Amino acid sequence: MASKVKVTVSLDEALVRELGGAGRQKGKPRSQLVEEALRLWRRARLEQELKEGYQAMAKADRAAAERHLAAGWEVMK
């Protein structure tokens, strides 16, 4: 397991209350909930980057396929 580092952050008071309530409900310390939230955020960011990358690849593949199709028609004429 990676070593832990203590950090200080400023949060909206309502978020801190919600975090405390969630921690009591789940039986987890606030720091663990914040860590889980950051991991989820990091995963969502990676998934979005992958999605955008795959969409760009699909666009490029479609353009290449259309060029090759047009060239194929020219050969068949």
C-alpha atoms as a PDB file:
ATOM      1  CA  MET A   1       0.000   0.000   0.000  1.00  0.00           C
ATOM      2  CA  ALA A   2       1.254   3.482  -0.824  1.00  0.00           C
ATOM      3  CA  SER A   3       2.288   5.712   2.029  1.00  0.00           C
ATOM      4  CA  LYS A   4      -0.185   8.340   3.183  1.00  0.00           C
ATOM      5  CA  VAL A   5       0.507  12.072   3.142  1.00  0.00           C
ATOM      6  CA  LYS A   6      -1.438  14.530   5.256  1.00  0.00           C
ATOM      7  CA  VAL A   7      -2.769  17.549   3.347  1.00  0.00           C
ATOM      8  CA  THR A   8      -4.836  20.546   4.320  1.00  0.00           C
ATOM      9  CA  VAL A   9      -7.714  21.649   2.112  1.00  0.00           C
ATOM     10  CA  SER A  10     -10.506  24.187   2.495  1.00  0.00           C
ATOM     11  CA  LEU A  11     -13.998  22.921   1.718  1.00  0.00           C
ATOM     12  CA  ASP A  12     -17.444  24.395   1.722  1.00  0.00           C
ATOM     13  CA  GLU A  13     -19.023  23.910   5.156  1.00  0.00           C
ATOM     14  CA  ALA A  14     -22.060  22.136   3.720  1.00  0.00           C
ATOM     15  CA  LEU A  15     -19.794  19.633   1.957  1.00  0.00           C
ATOM     16  CA  VAL A  16     -17.937  18.944   5.183  1.00  0.00           C
ATOM     17  CA  ARG A  17     -21.229  18.264   6.995  1.00  0.00           C
ATOM     18  CA  GLU A  18     -22.323  15.953   4.186  1.00  0.00           C
ATOM     19  CA  LEU A  19     -18.955  14.220   4.242  1.00  0.00           C
ATOM     20  CA  GLY A  20     -19.204  13.726   8.001  1.00  0.00           C
ATOM     21  CA  GLY A  21     -22.710  12.287   7.694  1.00  0.00           C
ATOM     22  CA  ALA A  22     -21.648   9.922   4.927  1.00  0.00           C
ATOM     23  CA  GLY A  23     -18.666   8.842   6.988  1.00  0.00           C
ATOM     24  CA  ARG A  24     -20.831   8.032   9.999  1.00  0.00           C
ATOM     25  CA  GLN A  25     -23.348   6.208   7.822  1.00  0.00           C
ATOM     26  CA  LYS A  26     -20.707   4.086   6.111  1.00  0.00           C
ATOM     27  CA  GLY A  27     -18.455   3.749   9.142  1.00  0.00           C
ATOM     28  CA  LYS A  28     -15.499   5.282   7.294  1.00  0.00           C
ATOM     29  CA  PRO A  29     -13.286   8.243   8.148  1.00  0.00           C
ATOM     30  CA  ARG A  30     -13.683  11.397   6.074  1.00  0.00           C
ATOM     31  CA  SER A  31     -10.181  11.047   4.660  1.00  0.00           C
ATOM     32  CA  GLN A  32     -11.063   7.628   3.248  1.00  0.00           C
ATOM     33  CA  LEU A  33     -14.213   9.007   1.610  1.00  0.00           C
ATOM     34  CA  VAL A  34     -12.261  11.892   0.083  1.00  0.00           C
ATOM     35  CA  GLU A  35      -9.647   9.447  -1.200  1.00  0.00           C
ATOM     36  CA  GLU A  36     -12.379   7.273  -2.757  1.00  0.00           C
ATOM     37  CA  ALA A  37     -13.960  10.340  -4.359  1.00  0.00           C
ATOM     38  CA  LEU A  38     -10.623  11.385  -5.855  1.00  0.00           C
ATOM     39  CA  ARG A  39     -10.050   7.893  -7.216  1.00  0.00           C
ATOM     40  CA  LEU A  40     -13.522   7.962  -8.836  1.00  0.00           C
ATOM     41  CA  TRP A  41     -12.796  11.407 -10.291  1.00  0.00           C
ATOM     42  CA  ARG A  42      -9.469  10.180 -11.679  1.00  0.00           C
ATOM     43  CA  ARG A  43     -11.158   7.122 -13.211  1.00  0.00           C
ATOM     44  CA  ALA A  44     -13.932   9.246 -14.764  1.00  0.00           C
ATOM     45  CA  ARG A  45     -11.316  11.595 -16.228  1.00  0.00           C
ATOM     46  CA  LEU A  46      -9.388   8.667 -17.741  1.00  0.00           C
ATOM     47  CA  GLU A  47     -12.590   7.163 -19.168  1.00  0.00           C
ATOM     48  CA  GLN A  48     -13.463  10.530 -20.759  1.00  0.00           C
ATOM     49  CA  GLU A  49      -9.987  10.824 -22.281  1.00  0.00           C
ATOM     50  CA  LEU A  50     -10.234   7.280 -23.664  1.00  0.00           C
ATOM     51  CA  LYS A  51     -13.694   7.993 -25.078  1.00  0.00           C
ATOM     52  CA  GLU A  52     -12.465  11.124 -26.807  1.00  0.00           C
ATOM     53  CA  GLY A  53      -9.438   9.280 -28.151  1.00  0.00           C
ATOM     54  CA  TYR A  54     -11.514   6.422 -29.531  1.00  0.00           C
ATOM     55  CA  GLN A  55     -13.935   8.886 -31.115  1.00  0.00           C
ATOM     56  CA  ALA A  56     -11.036  10.682 -32.804  1.00  0.00           C
ATOM     57  CA  MET A  57      -9.659   7.350 -34.026  1.00  0.00           C
ATOM     58  CA  ALA A  58     -13.062   6.349 -35.385  1.00  0.00           C
ATOM     59  CA  LYS A  59     -13.341   9.672 -37.228  1.00  0.00           C
ATOM     60  CA  ALA A  60      -9.880   9.211 -38.735  1.00  0.00           C
ATOM     61  CA  ASP A  61     -10.646   5.587 -39.673  1.00  0.00           C
ATOM     62  CA  ARG A  62     -13.880   6.624 -41.365  1.00  0.00           C
ATOM     63  CA  ALA A  63     -12.109   9.331 -43.358  1.00  0.00           C
ATOM     64  CA  ALA A  64      -9.440   6.839 -44.446  1.00  0.00           C
ATOM     65  CA  ALA A  65     -12.083   4.276 -45.423  1.00  0.00           C
ATOM     66  CA  GLU A  66     -13.931   6.870 -47.504  1.00  0.00           C
ATOM     67  CA  ARG A  67     -10.686   7.826 -49.297  1.00  0.00           C
ATOM     68  CA  HIS A  68      -9.903   4.171 -50.022  1.00  0.00           C
ATOM     69  CA  LEU A  69     -13.444   3.534 -51.218  1.00  0.00           C
ATOM     70  CA  ALA A  70     -13.259   6.469 -53.597  1.00  0.00           C
ATOM     71  CA  ALA A  71      -9.911   5.249 -54.909  1.00  0.00           C
ATOM     72  CA  GLY A  72     -11.380   1.755 -55.369  1.00  0.00           C
ATOM     73  CA  TRP A  73     -14.236   3.147 -57.446  1.00  0.00           C
ATOM     74  CA  GLU A  74     -11.742   5.016 -59.615  1.00  0.00           C
ATOM     75  CA  VAL A  75      -9.817   1.794 -60.286  1.00  0.00           C
ATOM     76  CA  MET A  76     -13.008  -0.054 -61.190  1.00  0.00           C
ATOM     77  CA  LYS A  77     -14.113   2.539 -63.764  1.00  0.00           C
END
